[in-house]
Amino acid sequence: MRISEAVELDVGDVPFTERKGIVRVRLGKGEKPRDIPLPGPSSALRALAAWRAHRRDQLGMPDDAGPLFVTRGERLAERSIRDVVTSHNDVNSTVVYTGPRADHLASAIDGVIRRLREPSPG
């Protein structure tokens, strides 16, 4: 999944249960939609459930609408996600985030969620 695609995800683009899920990319490469399956149970599904709860309970965002990745009520900027992905000095860590497999997507989601939960400086 491309970073620009992750930024554009809305809550409705990622339907899931604890057993399976799908990431629906509305405008992928060539402006074509595609689905990325998330098999379960997995860390990606657990991370998404935890993020949705945090988003609802701590950020006051609706559970059924709006941008999936937010900070202070606004859609997370592409630069913020890119910073999480590129902050790894180890090439092997970076490979995890650039591969097409569902477990790689899970690691990227986990990293973004951890970063979003960190207190804002200042």
PDB file of N, CA and C in Angstrom:
ATOM      1  N   MET A   1       0.834  -1.169   0.000  1.00  0.00           N
ATOM      2  CA  MET A   1       0.000   0.000   0.000  1.00  0.00           C
ATOM      3  C   MET A   1       0.887   1.243   0.000  1.00  0.00           C
ATOM      4  N   ARG A   2       0.551   2.181  -0.836  1.00  0.00           N
ATOM      5  CA  ARG A   2       1.300   3.424  -0.917  1.00  0.00           C
ATOM      6  C   ARG A   2       0.904   4.358   0.227  1.00  0.00           C
ATOM      7  N   ILE A   3       1.832   5.180   0.667  1.00  0.00           N
ATOM      8  CA  ILE A   3       1.552   6.112   1.756  1.00  0.00           C
ATOM      9  C   ILE A   3       0.417   7.048   1.371  1.00  0.00           C
ATOM     10  N   SER A   4       0.418   7.524   0.155  1.00  0.00           N
ATOM     11  CA  SER A   4      -0.650   8.430  -0.290  1.00  0.00           C
ATOM     12  C   SER A   4      -2.016   7.751  -0.225  1.00  0.00           C
ATOM     13  N   GLU A   5      -2.047   6.452  -0.424  1.00  0.00           N
ATOM     14  CA  GLU A   5      -3.310   5.712  -0.325  1.00  0.00           C
ATOM     15  C   GLU A   5      -3.749   5.570   1.123  1.00  0.00           C
ATOM     16  N   ALA A   6      -2.804   5.335   2.027  1.00  0.00           N
ATOM     17  CA  ALA A   6      -3.132   5.208   3.450  1.00  0.00           C
ATOM     18  C   ALA A   6      -3.705   6.512   3.999  1.00  0.00           C
ATOM     19  N   VAL A   7      -3.151   7.634   3.571  1.00  0.00           N
ATOM     20  CA  VAL A   7      -3.624   8.940   4.025  1.00  0.00           C
ATOM     21  C   VAL A   7      -5.086   9.149   3.655  1.00  0.00           C
ATOM     22  N   GLU A   8      -5.481   8.666   2.504  1.00  0.00           N
ATOM     23  CA  GLU A   8      -6.835   8.892   1.999  1.00  0.00           C
ATOM     24  C   GLU A   8      -7.878   7.909   2.545  1.00  0.00           C
ATOM     25  N   LEU A   9      -7.465   6.953   3.368  1.00  0.00           N
ATOM     26  CA  LEU A   9      -8.429   5.979   3.891  1.00  0.00           C
ATOM     27  C   LEU A   9      -9.429   6.633   4.832  1.00  0.00           C
ATOM     28  N   ASP A  10     -10.687   6.281   4.641  1.00  0.00           N
ATOM     29  CA  ASP A  10     -11.747   6.653   5.566  1.00  0.00           C
ATOM     30  C   ASP A  10     -12.134   5.413   6.357  1.00  0.00           C
ATOM     31  N   VAL A  11     -12.839   5.608   7.462  1.00  0.00           N
ATOM     32  CA  VAL A  11     -13.244   4.489   8.311  1.00  0.00           C
ATOM     33  C   VAL A  11     -13.986   3.425   7.494  1.00  0.00           C
ATOM     34  N   GLY A  12     -14.866   3.847   6.611  1.00  0.00           N
ATOM     35  CA  GLY A  12     -15.645   2.908   5.807  1.00  0.00           C
ATOM     36  C   GLY A  12     -14.839   2.119   4.795  1.00  0.00           C
ATOM     37  N   ASP A  13     -13.606   2.533   4.555  1.00  0.00           N
ATOM     38  CA  ASP A  13     -12.738   1.832   3.601  1.00  0.00           C
ATOM     39  C   ASP A  13     -12.066   0.615   4.214  1.00  0.00           C
ATOM     40  N   VAL A  14     -12.221   0.426   5.530  1.00  0.00           N
ATOM     41  CA  VAL A  14     -11.528  -0.661   6.216  1.00  0.00           C
ATOM     42  C   VAL A  14     -12.517  -1.441   7.089  1.00  0.00           C
ATOM     43  N   PRO A  15     -13.462  -2.149   6.436  1.00  0.00           N
ATOM     44  CA  PRO A  15     -14.376  -2.975   7.232  1.00  0.00           C
ATOM     45  C   PRO A  15     -13.639  -4.210   7.750  1.00  0.00           C
ATOM     46  N   PHE A  16     -13.871  -4.555   9.021  1.00  0.00           N
ATOM     47  CA  PHE A  16     -13.186  -5.717   9.575  1.00  0.00           C
ATOM     48  C   PHE A  16     -13.938  -6.272  10.770  1.00  0.00           C
ATOM     49  N   THR A  17     -13.651  -7.534  11.039  1.00  0.00           N
ATOM     50  CA  THR A  17     -14.067  -8.198  12.259  1.00  0.00           C
ATOM     51  C   THR A  17     -12.784  -8.734  12.882  1.00  0.00           C
ATOM     52  N   GLU A  18     -12.873  -9.436  14.001  1.00  0.00           N
ATOM     53  CA  GLU A  18     -11.635  -9.969  14.572  1.00  0.00           C
ATOM     54  C   GLU A  18     -11.079 -11.114  13.739  1.00  0.00           C
ATOM     55  N   ARG A  19     -11.854 -11.644  12.796  1.00  0.00           N
ATOM     56  CA  ARG A  19     -11.411 -12.775  11.990  1.00  0.00           C
ATOM     57  C   ARG A  19     -10.928 -12.402  10.596  1.00  0.00           C
ATOM     58  N   LYS A  20     -11.378 -11.263  10.050  1.00  0.00           N
ATOM     59  CA  LYS A  20     -10.927 -10.877   8.709  1.00  0.00           C
ATOM     60  C   LYS A  20     -11.265  -9.413   8.443  1.00  0.00           C
ATOM     61  N   GLY A  21     -10.613  -8.869   7.453  1.00  0.00           N
ATOM     62  CA  GLY A  21     -10.867  -7.493   7.079  1.00  0.00           C
ATOM     63  C   GLY A  21     -10.390  -7.215   5.668  1.00  0.00           C
ATOM     64  N   ILE A  22     -10.707  -6.019   5.195  1.00  0.00           N
ATOM     65  CA  ILE A  22     -10.306  -5.589   3.854  1.00  0.00           C
ATOM     66  C   ILE A  22      -9.941  -4.116   3.932  1.00  0.00           C
ATOM     67  N   VAL A  23      -8.874  -3.749   3.250  1.00  0.00           N
ATOM     68  CA  VAL A  23      -8.565  -2.341   3.056  1.00  0.00           C
ATOM     69  C   VAL A  23      -8.977  -2.027   1.626  1.00  0.00           C
ATOM     70  N   ARG A  24      -9.932  -1.121   1.482  1.00  0.00           N
ATOM     71  CA  ARG A  24     -10.410  -0.744   0.156  1.00  0.00           C
ATOM     72  C   ARG A  24      -9.728   0.552  -0.270  1.00  0.00           C
ATOM     73  N   VAL A  25      -8.813   0.428  -1.218  1.00  0.00           N
ATOM     74  CA  VAL A  25      -8.132   1.594  -1.768  1.00  0.00           C
ATOM     75  C   VAL A  25      -9.023   2.119  -2.880  1.00  0.00           C
ATOM     76  N   ARG A  26      -9.554   3.324  -2.676  1.00  0.00           N
ATOM     77  CA  ARG A  26     -10.505   3.875  -3.655  1.00  0.00           C
ATOM     78  C   ARG A  26      -9.831   4.339  -4.931  1.00  0.00           C
ATOM     79  N   LEU A  27      -8.684   4.979  -4.803  1.00  0.00           N
ATOM     80  CA  LEU A  27      -7.969   5.471  -5.986  1.00  0.00           C
ATOM     81  C   LEU A  27      -6.511   5.050  -5.893  1.00  0.00           C
ATOM     82  N   GLY A  28      -6.237   3.881  -6.408  1.00  0.00           N
ATOM     83  CA  GLY A  28      -4.866   3.376  -6.416  1.00  0.00           C
ATOM     84  C   GLY A  28      -4.137   3.819  -7.658  1.00  0.00           C
ATOM     85  N   LYS A  29      -3.074   3.118  -7.957  1.00  0.00           N
ATOM     86  CA  LYS A  29      -2.265   3.423  -9.140  1.00  0.00           C
ATOM     87  C   LYS A  29      -3.149   3.372 -10.380  1.00  0.00           C
ATOM     88  N   GLY A  30      -3.021   4.353 -11.222  1.00  0.00           N
ATOM     89  CA  GLY A  30      -3.844   4.415 -12.422  1.00  0.00           C
ATOM     90  C   GLY A  30      -5.291   4.752 -12.117  1.00  0.00           C
ATOM     91  N   GLU A  31      -5.525   5.316 -10.925  1.00  0.00           N
ATOM     92  CA  GLU A  31      -6.867   5.681 -10.465  1.00  0.00           C
ATOM     93  C   GLU A  31      -7.826   4.494 -10.471  1.00  0.00           C
ATOM     94  N   LYS A  32      -7.283   3.308 -10.191  1.00  0.00           N
ATOM     95  CA  LYS A  32      -8.090   2.094 -10.133  1.00  0.00           C
ATOM     96  C   LYS A  32      -8.278   1.680  -8.681  1.00  0.00           C
ATOM     97  N   PRO A  33      -9.498   1.316  -8.295  1.00  0.00           N
ATOM     98  CA  PRO A  33      -9.713   0.824  -6.932  1.00  0.00           C
ATOM     99  C   PRO A  33      -9.202  -0.607  -6.794  1.00  0.00           C
ATOM    100  N   ARG A  34      -8.837  -0.980  -5.567  1.00  0.00           N
ATOM    101  CA  ARG A  34      -8.443  -2.356  -5.302  1.00  0.00           C
ATOM    102  C   ARG A  34      -8.680  -2.669  -3.839  1.00  0.00           C
ATOM    103  N   ASP A  35      -8.819  -3.942  -3.540  1.00  0.00           N
ATOM    104  CA  ASP A  35      -8.995  -4.415  -2.171  1.00  0.00           C
ATOM    105  C   ASP A  35      -7.746  -5.158  -1.730  1.00  0.00           C
ATOM    106  N   ILE A  36      -7.333  -4.915  -0.489  1.00  0.00           N
ATOM    107  CA  ILE A  36      -6.204  -5.622   0.113  1.00  0.00           C
ATOM    108  C   ILE A  36      -6.768  -6.442   1.267  1.00  0.00           C
ATOM    109  N   PRO A  37      -6.749  -7.767   1.166  1.00  0.00           N
ATOM    110  CA  PRO A  37      -7.302  -8.584   2.256  1.00  0.00           C
ATOM    111  C   PRO A  37      -6.411  -8.549   3.494  1.00  0.00           C
ATOM    112  N   LEU A  38      -7.053  -8.566   4.648  1.00  0.00           N
ATOM    113  CA  LEU A  38      -6.357  -8.663   5.934  1.00  0.00           C
ATOM    114  C   LEU A  38      -6.839  -9.943   6.604  1.00  0.00           C
ATOM    115  N   PRO A  39      -6.070 -11.022   6.477  1.00  0.00           N
ATOM    116  CA  PRO A  39      -6.498 -12.266   7.103  1.00  0.00           C
ATOM    117  C   PRO A  39      -6.418 -12.146   8.617  1.00  0.00           C
ATOM    118  N   GLY A  40      -7.210 -12.920   9.287  1.00  0.00           N
ATOM    119  CA  GLY A  40      -7.207 -12.837  10.747  1.00  0.00           C
ATOM    120  C   GLY A  40      -7.171 -14.211  11.360  1.00  0.00           C
ATOM    121  N   PRO A  41      -7.122 -14.262  12.651  1.00  0.00           N
ATOM    122  CA  PRO A  41      -6.809 -13.114  13.494  1.00  0.00           C
ATOM    123  C   PRO A  41      -5.367 -12.690  13.287  1.00  0.00           C
ATOM    124  N   SER A  42      -5.111 -11.387  13.338  1.00  0.00           N
ATOM    125  CA  SER A  42      -3.763 -10.892  13.074  1.00  0.00           C
ATOM    126  C   SER A  42      -3.491  -9.627  13.872  1.00  0.00           C
ATOM    127  N   SER A  43      -2.228  -9.241  13.907  1.00  0.00           N
ATOM    128  CA  SER A  43      -1.869  -8.007  14.600  1.00  0.00           C
ATOM    129  C   SER A  43      -2.467  -6.794  13.895  1.00  0.00           C
ATOM    130  N   ALA A  44      -2.652  -6.869  12.579  1.00  0.00           N
ATOM    131  CA  ALA A  44      -3.255  -5.750  11.850  1.00  0.00           C
ATOM    132  C   ALA A  44      -4.685  -5.522  12.315  1.00  0.00           C
ATOM    133  N   LEU A  45      -5.439  -6.586  12.461  1.00  0.00           N
ATOM    134  CA  LEU A  45      -6.830  -6.441  12.893  1.00  0.00           C
ATOM    135  C   LEU A  45      -6.908  -5.980  14.342  1.00  0.00           C
ATOM    136  N   ARG A  46      -6.023  -6.485  15.197  1.00  0.00           N
ATOM    137  CA  ARG A  46      -6.000  -6.031  16.589  1.00  0.00           C
ATOM    138  C   ARG A  46      -5.619  -4.550  16.658  1.00  0.00           C
ATOM    139  N   ALA A  47      -4.633  -4.146  15.845  1.00  0.00           N
ATOM    140  CA  ALA A  47      -4.200  -2.743  15.829  1.00  0.00           C
ATOM    141  C   ALA A  47      -5.322  -1.838  15.322  1.00  0.00           C
ATOM    142  N   LEU A  48      -6.031  -2.275  14.288  1.00  0.00           N
ATOM    143  CA  LEU A  48      -7.147  -1.474  13.774  1.00  0.00           C
ATOM    144  C   LEU A  48      -8.253  -1.327  14.811  1.00  0.00           C
ATOM    145  N   ALA A  49      -8.569  -2.400  15.510  1.00  0.00           N
ATOM    146  CA  ALA A  49      -9.602  -2.335  16.549  1.00  0.00           C
ATOM    147  C   ALA A  49      -9.180  -1.379  17.663  1.00  0.00           C
ATOM    148  N   ALA A  50      -7.916  -1.468  18.081  1.00  0.00           N
ATOM    149  CA  ALA A  50      -7.416  -0.585  19.134  1.00  0.00           C
ATOM    150  C   ALA A  50      -7.420   0.877  18.666  1.00  0.00           C
ATOM    151  N   TRP A  51      -7.015   1.105  17.419  1.00  0.00           N
ATOM    152  CA  TRP A  51      -7.001   2.469  16.896  1.00  0.00           C
ATOM    153  C   TRP A  51      -8.408   3.032  16.793  1.00  0.00           C
ATOM    154  N   ARG A  52      -9.349   2.234  16.299  1.00  0.00           N
ATOM    155  CA  ARG A  52     -10.734   2.712  16.192  1.00  0.00           C
ATOM    156  C   ARG A  52     -11.274   3.082  17.567  1.00  0.00           C
ATOM    157  N   ALA A  53     -10.966   2.286  18.591  1.00  0.00           N
ATOM    158  CA  ALA A  53     -11.418   2.592  19.950  1.00  0.00           C
ATOM    159  C   ALA A  53     -10.772   3.883  20.453  1.00  0.00           C
ATOM    160  N   HIS A  54      -9.476   4.040  20.223  1.00  0.00           N
ATOM    161  CA  HIS A  54      -8.759   5.252  20.633  1.00  0.00           C
ATOM    162  C   HIS A  54      -9.316   6.473  19.897  1.00  0.00           C
ATOM    163  N   ARG A  55      -9.537   6.320  18.624  1.00  0.00           N
ATOM    164  CA  ARG A  55     -10.058   7.389  17.779  1.00  0.00           C
ATOM    165  C   ARG A  55     -11.415   7.859  18.296  1.00  0.00           C
ATOM    166  N   ARG A  56     -12.255   6.899  18.678  1.00  0.00           N
ATOM    167  CA  ARG A  56     -13.593   7.200  19.190  1.00  0.00           C
ATOM    168  C   ARG A  56     -13.517   7.769  20.613  1.00  0.00           C
ATOM    169  N   ASP A  57     -12.847   7.037  21.508  1.00  0.00           N
ATOM    170  CA  ASP A  57     -12.877   7.366  22.934  1.00  0.00           C
ATOM    171  C   ASP A  57     -11.988   8.553  23.304  1.00  0.00           C
ATOM    172  N   GLN A  58     -10.810   8.646  22.710  1.00  0.00           N
ATOM    173  CA  GLN A  58      -9.864   9.694  23.092  1.00  0.00           C
ATOM    174  C   GLN A  58      -9.931  10.930  22.194  1.00  0.00           C
ATOM    175  N   LEU A  59     -10.267  10.722  20.932  1.00  0.00           N
ATOM    176  CA  LEU A  59     -10.283  11.843  19.996  1.00  0.00           C
ATOM    177  C   LEU A  59     -11.694  12.338  19.690  1.00  0.00           C
ATOM    178  N   GLY A  60     -12.711  11.588  20.161  1.00  0.00           N
ATOM    179  CA  GLY A  60     -14.095  11.989  19.953  1.00  0.00           C
ATOM    180  C   GLY A  60     -14.558  11.902  18.514  1.00  0.00           C
ATOM    181  N   MET A  61     -13.930  11.033  17.737  1.00  0.00           N
ATOM    182  CA  MET A  61     -14.289  10.884  16.324  1.00  0.00           C
ATOM    183  C   MET A  61     -15.376   9.825  16.181  1.00  0.00           C
ATOM    184  N   PRO A  62     -16.287   9.975  15.219  1.00  0.00           N
ATOM    185  CA  PRO A  62     -17.331   8.970  15.026  1.00  0.00           C
ATOM    186  C   PRO A  62     -16.747   7.625  14.601  1.00  0.00           C
ATOM    187  N   ASP A  63     -17.416   6.569  14.996  1.00  0.00           N
ATOM    188  CA  ASP A  63     -16.946   5.216  14.716  1.00  0.00           C
ATOM    189  C   ASP A  63     -17.263   4.768  13.292  1.00  0.00           C
ATOM    190  N   ASP A  64     -18.098   5.520  12.593  1.00  0.00           N
ATOM    191  CA  ASP A  64     -18.584   5.039  11.306  1.00  0.00           C
ATOM    192  C   ASP A  64     -18.333   5.988  10.135  1.00  0.00           C
ATOM    193  N   ALA A  65     -17.582   7.056  10.355  1.00  0.00           N
ATOM    194  CA  ALA A  65     -17.363   8.007   9.257  1.00  0.00           C
ATOM    195  C   ALA A  65     -16.090   8.811   9.485  1.00  0.00           C
ATOM    196  N   GLY A  66     -15.627   9.426   8.417  1.00  0.00           N
ATOM    197  CA  GLY A  66     -14.480  10.328   8.505  1.00  0.00           C
ATOM    198  C   GLY A  66     -13.167   9.631   8.209  1.00  0.00           C
ATOM    199  N   PRO A  67     -12.086  10.408   8.227  1.00  0.00           N
ATOM    200  CA  PRO A  67     -10.755   9.860   7.949  1.00  0.00           C
ATOM    201  C   PRO A  67     -10.371   8.798   8.979  1.00  0.00           C
ATOM    202  N   LEU A  68      -9.702   7.749   8.533  1.00  0.00           N
ATOM    203  CA  LEU A  68      -9.278   6.689   9.454  1.00  0.00           C
ATOM    204  C   LEU A  68      -8.140   7.177  10.337  1.00  0.00           C
ATOM    205  N   PHE A  69      -7.123   7.764   9.742  1.00  0.00           N
ATOM    206  CA  PHE A  69      -5.961   8.221  10.501  1.00  0.00           C
ATOM    207  C   PHE A  69      -6.058   9.725  10.698  1.00  0.00           C
ATOM    208  N   VAL A  70      -6.241  10.126  11.953  1.00  0.00           N
ATOM    209  CA  VAL A  70      -6.432  11.533  12.278  1.00  0.00           C
ATOM    210  C   VAL A  70      -5.510  11.950  13.416  1.00  0.00           C
ATOM    211  N   THR A  71      -5.286  13.234  13.482  1.00  0.00           N
ATOM    212  CA  THR A  71      -4.617  13.847  14.618  1.00  0.00           C
ATOM    213  C   THR A  71      -5.314  15.173  14.868  1.00  0.00           C
ATOM    214  N   ARG A  72      -5.676  15.411  16.093  1.00  0.00           N
ATOM    215  CA  ARG A  72      -6.419  16.613  16.474  1.00  0.00           C
ATOM    216  C   ARG A  72      -7.636  16.841  15.581  1.00  0.00           C
ATOM    217  N   GLY A  73      -8.320  15.752  15.225  1.00  0.00           N
ATOM    218  CA  GLY A  73      -9.554  15.839  14.462  1.00  0.00           C
ATOM    219  C   GLY A  73      -9.386  16.034  12.966  1.00  0.00           C
ATOM    220  N   GLU A  74      -8.162  16.135  12.497  1.00  0.00           N
ATOM    221  CA  GLU A  74      -7.892  16.348  11.068  1.00  0.00           C
ATOM    222  C   GLU A  74      -7.229  15.115  10.470  1.00  0.00           C
ATOM    223  N   ARG A  75      -7.440  14.925   9.171  1.00  0.00           N
ATOM    224  CA  ARG A  75      -6.777  13.829   8.466  1.00  0.00           C
ATOM    225  C   ARG A  75      -5.266  13.954   8.641  1.00  0.00           C
ATOM    226  N   LEU A  76      -4.625  12.849   8.949  1.00  0.00           N
ATOM    227  CA  LEU A  76      -3.182  12.827   9.124  1.00  0.00           C
ATOM    228  C   LEU A  76      -2.505  13.172   7.797  1.00  0.00           C
ATOM    229  N   ALA A  77      -1.490  13.986   7.849  1.00  0.00           N
ATOM    230  CA  ALA A  77      -0.759  14.401   6.648  1.00  0.00           C
ATOM    231  C   ALA A  77       0.116  13.254   6.141  1.00  0.00           C
ATOM    232  N   GLU A  78       0.306  13.228   4.848  1.00  0.00           N
ATOM    233  CA  GLU A  78       1.164  12.211   4.235  1.00  0.00           C
ATOM    234  C   GLU A  78       2.562  12.251   4.849  1.00  0.00           C
ATOM    235  N   ARG A  79       3.045  13.433   5.149  1.00  0.00           N
ATOM    236  CA  ARG A  79       4.384  13.575   5.730  1.00  0.00           C
ATOM    237  C   ARG A  79       4.491  12.847   7.075  1.00  0.00           C
ATOM    238  N   SER A  80       3.427  12.887   7.872  1.00  0.00           N
ATOM    239  CA  SER A  80       3.450  12.220   9.182  1.00  0.00           C
ATOM    240  C   SER A  80       3.587  10.712   9.037  1.00  0.00           C
ATOM    241  N   ILE A  81       2.860  10.136   8.103  1.00  0.00           N
ATOM    242  CA  ILE A  81       2.963   8.695   7.877  1.00  0.00           C
ATOM    243  C   ILE A  81       4.333   8.370   7.279  1.00  0.00           C
ATOM    244  N   ARG A  82       4.781   9.187   6.346  1.00  0.00           N
ATOM    245  CA  ARG A  82       6.098   8.981   5.726  1.00  0.00           C
ATOM    246  C   ARG A  82       7.202   9.023   6.789  1.00  0.00           C
ATOM    247  N   ASP A  83       7.091   9.923   7.763  1.00  0.00           N
ATOM    248  CA  ASP A  83       8.085  10.013   8.839  1.00  0.00           C
ATOM    249  C   ASP A  83       8.152   8.721   9.641  1.00  0.00           C
ATOM    250  N   VAL A  84       6.997   8.121   9.921  1.00  0.00           N
ATOM    251  CA  VAL A  84       6.977   6.855  10.657  1.00  0.00           C
ATOM    252  C   VAL A  84       7.660   5.770   9.843  1.00  0.00           C
ATOM    253  N   VAL A  85       7.316   5.700   8.569  1.00  0.00           N
ATOM    254  CA  VAL A  85       7.845   4.643   7.710  1.00  0.00           C
ATOM    255  C   VAL A  85       9.343   4.809   7.470  1.00  0.00           C
ATOM    256  N   THR A  86       9.788   6.027   7.279  1.00  0.00           N
ATOM    257  CA  THR A  86      11.195   6.238   6.935  1.00  0.00           C
ATOM    258  C   THR A  86      12.090   6.480   8.141  1.00  0.00           C
ATOM    259  N   SER A  87      11.538   6.429   9.340  1.00  0.00           N
ATOM    260  CA  SER A  87      12.345   6.687  10.527  1.00  0.00           C
ATOM    261  C   SER A  87      13.187   5.491  10.938  1.00  0.00           C
ATOM    262  N   HIS A  88      13.098   4.404  10.202  1.00  0.00           N
ATOM    263  CA  HIS A  88      13.853   3.206  10.543  1.00  0.00           C
ATOM    264  C   HIS A  88      15.225   3.243   9.895  1.00  0.00           C
ATOM    265  N   ASN A  89      16.255   3.087  10.713  1.00  0.00           N
ATOM    266  CA  ASN A  89      17.621   3.065  10.200  1.00  0.00           C
ATOM    267  C   ASN A  89      17.979   1.718   9.600  1.00  0.00           C
ATOM    268  N   ASP A  90      17.302   0.696  10.022  1.00  0.00           N
ATOM    269  CA  ASP A  90      17.587  -0.659   9.580  1.00  0.00           C
ATOM    270  C   ASP A  90      16.845  -0.935   8.267  1.00  0.00           C
ATOM    271  N   VAL A  91      17.564  -1.313   7.235  1.00  0.00           N
ATOM    272  CA  VAL A  91      16.963  -1.599   5.937  1.00  0.00           C
ATOM    273  C   VAL A  91      15.912  -2.696   6.071  1.00  0.00           C
ATOM    274  N   ASN A  92      16.155  -3.684   6.895  1.00  0.00           N
ATOM    275  CA  ASN A  92      15.187  -4.771   7.054  1.00  0.00           C
ATOM    276  C   ASN A  92      13.866  -4.253   7.614  1.00  0.00           C
ATOM    277  N   SER A  93      13.905  -3.277   8.498  1.00  0.00           N
ATOM    278  CA  SER A  93      12.671  -2.683   9.016  1.00  0.00           C
ATOM    279  C   SER A  93      11.926  -1.954   7.914  1.00  0.00           C
ATOM    280  N   THR A  94      12.645  -1.217   7.091  1.00  0.00           N
ATOM    281  CA  THR A  94      12.010  -0.476   6.017  1.00  0.00           C
ATOM    282  C   THR A  94      11.366  -1.422   5.010  1.00  0.00           C
ATOM    283  N   VAL A  95      12.001  -2.548   4.743  1.00  0.00           N
ATOM    284  CA  VAL A  95      11.429  -3.528   3.819  1.00  0.00           C
ATOM    285  C   VAL A  95      10.064  -3.989   4.306  1.00  0.00           C
ATOM    286  N   VAL A  96       9.907  -4.126   5.603  1.00  0.00           N
ATOM    287  CA  VAL A  96       8.619  -4.548   6.163  1.00  0.00           C
ATOM    288  C   VAL A  96       7.512  -3.618   5.707  1.00  0.00           C
ATOM    289  N   TYR A  97       7.798  -2.316   5.652  1.00  0.00           N
ATOM    290  CA  TYR A  97       6.769  -1.345   5.313  1.00  0.00           C
ATOM    291  C   TYR A  97       6.543  -1.182   3.815  1.00  0.00           C
ATOM    292  N   THR A  98       7.446  -1.665   3.009  1.00  0.00           N
ATOM    293  CA  THR A  98       7.302  -1.453   1.573  1.00  0.00           C
ATOM    294  C   THR A  98       6.809  -2.682   0.834  1.00  0.00           C
ATOM    295  N   GLY A  99       6.725  -3.813   1.493  1.00  0.00           N
ATOM    296  CA  GLY A  99       6.247  -5.030   0.855  1.00  0.00           C
ATOM    297  C   GLY A  99       4.736  -5.055   0.724  1.00  0.00           C
ATOM    298  N   PRO A 100       4.220  -5.859  -0.170  1.00  0.00           N
ATOM    299  CA  PRO A 100       2.789  -5.885  -0.424  1.00  0.00           C
ATOM    300  C   PRO A 100       1.989  -6.829   0.480  1.00  0.00           C
ATOM    301  N   ARG A 101       2.648  -7.593   1.355  1.00  0.00           N
ATOM    302  CA  ARG A 101       1.926  -8.596   2.132  1.00  0.00           C
ATOM    303  C   ARG A 101       1.131  -7.982   3.275  1.00  0.00           C
ATOM    304  N   ALA A 102       0.080  -8.668   3.692  1.00  0.00           N
ATOM    305  CA  ALA A 102      -0.801  -8.186   4.757  1.00  0.00           C
ATOM    306  C   ALA A 102      -0.054  -8.005   6.070  1.00  0.00           C
ATOM    307  N   ASP A 103       0.911  -8.884   6.389  1.00  0.00           N
ATOM    308  CA  ASP A 103       1.641  -8.716   7.652  1.00  0.00           C
ATOM    309  C   ASP A 103       2.533  -7.478   7.609  1.00  0.00           C
ATOM    310  N   HIS A 104       2.985  -7.080   6.432  1.00  0.00           N
ATOM    311  CA  HIS A 104       3.752  -5.845   6.301  1.00  0.00           C
ATOM    312  C   HIS A 104       2.840  -4.651   6.554  1.00  0.00           C
ATOM    313  N   LEU A 105       1.630  -4.704   6.012  1.00  0.00           N
ATOM    314  CA  LEU A 105       0.660  -3.642   6.249  1.00  0.00           C
ATOM    315  C   LEU A 105       0.350  -3.552   7.742  1.00  0.00           C
ATOM    316  N   ALA A 106       0.255  -4.691   8.415  1.00  0.00           N
ATOM    317  CA  ALA A 106      -0.013  -4.711   9.855  1.00  0.00           C
ATOM    318  C   ALA A 106       1.075  -3.971  10.612  1.00  0.00           C
ATOM    319  N   SER A 107       2.329  -4.198  10.255  1.00  0.00           N
ATOM    320  CA  SER A 107       3.439  -3.515  10.921  1.00  0.00           C
ATOM    321  C   SER A 107       3.367  -2.011  10.696  1.00  0.00           C
ATOM    322  N   ALA A 108       3.028  -1.603   9.486  1.00  0.00           N
ATOM    323  CA  ALA A 108       2.914  -0.174   9.194  1.00  0.00           C
ATOM    324  C   ALA A 108       1.792   0.456   9.995  1.00  0.00           C
ATOM    325  N   ILE A 109       0.656  -0.221  10.070  1.00  0.00           N
ATOM    326  CA  ILE A 109      -0.474   0.291  10.843  1.00  0.00           C
ATOM    327  C   ILE A 109      -0.090   0.414  12.310  1.00  0.00           C
ATOM    328  N   ASP A 110       0.571  -0.617  12.847  1.00  0.00           N
ATOM    329  CA  ASP A 110       1.019  -0.572  14.248  1.00  0.00           C
ATOM    330  C   ASP A 110       1.916   0.641  14.495  1.00  0.00           C
ATOM    331  N   GLY A 111       2.851   0.900  13.593  1.00  0.00           N
ATOM    332  CA  GLY A 111       3.763   2.026  13.756  1.00  0.00           C
ATOM    333  C   GLY A 111       3.049   3.363  13.732  1.00  0.00           C
ATOM    334  N   VAL A 112       2.120   3.535  12.817  1.00  0.00           N
ATOM    335  CA  VAL A 112       1.373   4.785  12.724  1.00  0.00           C
ATOM    336  C   VAL A 112       0.550   4.989  13.990  1.00  0.00           C
ATOM    337  N   ILE A 113      -0.104   3.943  14.449  1.00  0.00           N
ATOM    338  CA  ILE A 113      -0.941   4.055  15.643  1.00  0.00           C
ATOM    339  C   ILE A 113      -0.101   4.390  16.871  1.00  0.00           C
ATOM    340  N   ARG A 114       1.046   3.749  17.030  1.00  0.00           N
ATOM    341  CA  ARG A 114       1.919   4.076  18.161  1.00  0.00           C
ATOM    342  C   ARG A 114       2.342   5.536  18.099  1.00  0.00           C
ATOM    343  N   ARG A 115       2.683   6.012  16.916  1.00  0.00           N
ATOM    344  CA  ARG A 115       3.117   7.404  16.750  1.00  0.00           C
ATOM    345  C   ARG A 115       1.993   8.378  17.068  1.00  0.00           C
ATOM    346  N   LEU A 116       0.772   8.043  16.654  1.00  0.00           N
ATOM    347  CA  LEU A 116      -0.359   8.926  16.902  1.00  0.00           C
ATOM    348  C   LEU A 116      -0.719   8.998  18.379  1.00  0.00           C
ATOM    349  N   ARG A 117      -0.440   7.960  19.114  1.00  0.00           N
ATOM    350  CA  ARG A 117      -0.763   7.940  20.543  1.00  0.00           C
ATOM    351  C   ARG A 117       0.253   8.686  21.392  1.00  0.00           C
ATOM    352  N   GLU A 118       1.404   9.000  20.818  1.00  0.00           N
ATOM    353  CA  GLU A 118       2.421   9.736  21.563  1.00  0.00           C
ATOM    354  C   GLU A 118       1.916  11.149  21.821  1.00  0.00           C
ATOM    355  N   PRO A 119       2.198  11.692  23.004  1.00  0.00           N
ATOM    356  CA  PRO A 119       1.788  13.073  23.291  1.00  0.00           C
ATOM    357  C   PRO A 119       2.438  14.046  22.321  1.00  0.00           C
ATOM    358  N   SER A 120       1.703  15.083  21.956  1.00  0.00           N
ATOM    359  CA  SER A 120       2.230  16.102  21.063  1.00  0.00           C
ATOM    360  C   SER A 120       3.259  16.950  21.790  1.00  0.00           C
ATOM    361  N   PRO A 121       4.363  17.285  21.116  1.00  0.00           N
ATOM    362  CA  PRO A 121       5.353  18.169  21.760  1.00  0.00           C
ATOM    363  C   PRO A 121       4.778  19.577  21.899  1.00  0.00           C
ATOM    364  N   GLY A 122       5.083  20.203  22.986  1.00  0.00           N
ATOM    365  CA  GLY A 122       4.680  21.605  23.199  1.00  0.00           C
ATOM    366  C   GLY A 122       3.389  21.690  23.825  1.00  0.00           C
TER     367      GLY A 122
END
